[in-house]
């Protein structure tokens, strides 16, 4: 079984996804058996977008992490550091 490339570190989840920060927390941050993951570039995105104001997490804090490693244009170190495509506020 391949490890998904859309996994995010705990540090990334805190700094970029803003976990635990109410409405600023990214609405695409999910948790699964392998840890935190980004759902922005998955089919789940449309469901999360449709829920909009009904969720506590409403943020849209970066460009998203691709599920498929063929679409990955950053290193794991860049992902973990949040330096590949995270938006600066």
Protein backbone atom coordinates (compact mmCIF):
# COMPACT_ATOMS: atom_id res chain seq x y z
CA UNK A 1 0.00 0.00 0.00
CA UNK A 2 1.41 3.40 -1.01
CA UNK A 3 1.51 6.24 1.48
CA UNK A 4 -0.61 9.15 0.24
CA UNK A 5 1.36 12.31 -0.58
CA UNK A 6 -1.36 14.56 0.81
CA UNK A 7 -0.39 13.75 4.42
CA UNK A 8 0.65 16.73 6.52
CA UNK A 9 2.85 16.79 9.60
CA UNK A 10 1.53 17.88 12.99
CA UNK A 11 3.66 21.02 12.68
CA UNK A 12 2.23 21.85 9.25
CA UNK A 13 -1.29 21.27 10.57
CA UNK A 14 -0.64 23.79 13.34
CA UNK A 15 1.22 26.45 11.33
CA UNK A 16 -0.43 26.38 7.91
CA UNK A 17 -3.75 24.58 8.43
CA UNK A 18 -4.21 26.38 11.76
CA UNK A 19 -5.74 23.41 13.54
CA UNK A 20 -7.51 24.44 16.74
CA UNK A 21 -7.93 28.06 15.61
CA UNK A 22 -11.66 28.08 14.99
CA UNK A 23 -12.85 29.62 11.72
CA UNK A 24 -9.22 30.11 10.60
CA UNK A 25 -8.63 26.34 10.57
CA UNK A 26 -8.54 24.96 7.03
CA UNK A 27 -11.78 23.24 6.10
CA UNK A 28 -9.83 20.73 3.98
CA UNK A 29 -7.80 19.33 6.89
CA UNK A 30 -8.88 15.76 7.58
CA UNK A 31 -7.71 12.98 9.88
CA UNK A 32 -7.38 9.36 8.88
CA UNK A 33 -5.54 6.23 9.89
CA UNK A 34 -2.25 7.59 8.55
CA UNK A 35 -2.62 10.98 10.26
CA UNK A 36 -3.58 14.47 9.10
CA UNK A 37 -4.27 14.83 5.39
CA UNK A 38 -5.30 17.51 2.92
CA UNK A 39 -8.59 16.92 1.11
CA UNK A 40 -8.51 20.07 -1.02
CA UNK A 41 -7.49 18.29 -4.23
CA UNK A 42 -9.77 15.28 -3.69
CA UNK A 43 -13.43 14.56 -4.45
CA UNK A 44 -14.23 15.46 -0.82
CA UNK A 45 -13.50 19.11 -1.62
CA UNK A 46 -16.95 19.68 -3.11
CA UNK A 47 -18.68 18.32 -0.01
CA UNK A 48 -16.56 20.48 2.29
CA UNK A 49 -17.17 23.56 0.14
CA UNK A 50 -20.93 22.92 0.15
CA UNK A 51 -21.00 22.83 3.95
CA UNK A 52 -19.47 26.32 4.06
CA UNK A 53 -20.80 28.23 7.03
CA UNK A 54 -22.12 25.16 8.85
CA UNK A 55 -18.58 24.08 9.85
CA UNK A 56 -16.30 25.62 12.43
CA UNK A 57 -13.26 25.22 10.15
CA UNK A 58 -13.73 27.64 7.25
CA UNK A 59 -10.18 28.46 6.22
CA UNK A 60 -8.59 27.97 2.81
CA UNK A 61 -4.95 28.35 3.79
CA UNK A 62 -2.83 26.95 0.93
CA UNK A 63 -3.03 25.58 -2.60
CA UNK A 64 -3.58 22.01 -1.40
CA UNK A 65 -1.54 18.82 -1.48
CA UNK A 66 -1.99 16.36 -4.38
CA UNK A 67 -2.96 12.79 -3.54
CA UNK A 68 -0.90 11.34 -6.39
CA UNK A 69 2.88 11.59 -6.23
CA UNK A 70 2.98 12.15 -10.03
CA UNK A 71 1.38 15.56 -9.41
CA UNK A 72 3.72 16.43 -6.55
CA UNK A 73 6.05 19.34 -7.37
CA UNK A 74 7.65 19.83 -3.95
CA UNK A 75 9.87 17.87 -1.59
CA UNK A 76 8.65 16.34 1.66
CA UNK A 77 10.86 18.85 3.48
CA UNK A 78 9.16 21.76 1.70
CA UNK A 79 5.75 20.30 2.55
CA UNK A 80 6.61 19.87 6.21
CA UNK A 81 8.09 23.36 6.39
CA UNK A 82 5.09 24.88 4.61
CA UNK A 83 7.38 26.57 2.08
CA UNK A 84 6.10 25.13 -1.20
CA UNK A 85 2.78 26.88 -1.73
CA UNK A 86 1.36 28.04 1.56
CA UNK A 87 -0.23 31.45 1.39
CA UNK A 88 1.30 34.10 3.58
CA UNK A 89 -1.29 36.02 5.57
